């Protein structure tokens, strides 16, 4: 089951409050890259 951005952010905030921003940014980059790959595959 995929993890939502909201759930990921909440987990990071609890597990690593001092690193949440950097980890969220990395996760966002990965979400974007996945969307690009899916778009290219569909397109």
Protein backbone atom coordinates (compact mmCIF):
# COMPACT_ATOMS: atom_id res chain seq x y z
CA UNK A 1 0.00 0.00 0.00
CA UNK A 2 1.46 3.41 -0.96
CA UNK A 3 2.28 5.90 1.77
CA UNK A 4 0.65 9.30 1.49
CA UNK A 5 2.68 12.48 1.79
CA UNK A 6 0.66 13.40 4.88
CA UNK A 7 1.46 10.08 6.59
CA UNK A 8 5.13 10.32 5.62
CA UNK A 9 5.40 13.85 6.99
CA UNK A 10 3.73 12.83 10.25
CA UNK A 11 6.06 9.82 10.67
CA UNK A 12 9.15 11.94 9.99
CA UNK A 13 8.02 14.60 12.45
CA UNK A 14 7.71 11.96 15.17
CA UNK A 15 10.83 9.94 14.32
CA UNK A 16 13.26 12.72 13.40
CA UNK A 17 11.87 16.16 14.26
CA UNK A 18 15.19 17.89 13.57
CA UNK A 19 15.47 16.38 10.07
CA UNK A 20 11.83 16.57 8.94
CA UNK A 21 12.32 19.40 6.40
CA UNK A 22 15.27 17.75 4.64
CA UNK A 23 13.58 14.34 4.54
CA UNK A 24 10.29 15.82 3.32
CA UNK A 25 12.15 17.65 0.55
CA UNK A 26 13.84 14.41 -0.52
CA UNK A 27 10.51 12.58 -0.47
CA UNK A 28 8.93 15.32 -2.58
CA UNK A 29 11.70 14.95 -5.15
CA UNK A 30 11.06 11.22 -5.27
CA UNK A 31 7.29 11.72 -5.67
CA UNK A 32 7.93 14.12 -8.56
CA UNK A 33 10.39 11.72 -10.23
CA UNK A 34 7.88 8.89 -9.92
CA UNK A 35 5.19 11.06 -11.52
CA UNK A 36 7.52 11.93 -14.39
CA UNK A 37 8.32 8.24 -14.97
CA UNK A 38 4.63 7.32 -14.96
CA UNK A 39 3.84 10.19 -17.33
CA UNK A 40 6.52 9.11 -19.77
CA UNK A 41 5.35 5.52 -19.62
CA UNK A 42 1.74 6.55 -20.26
CA UNK A 43 2.58 9.21 -22.77
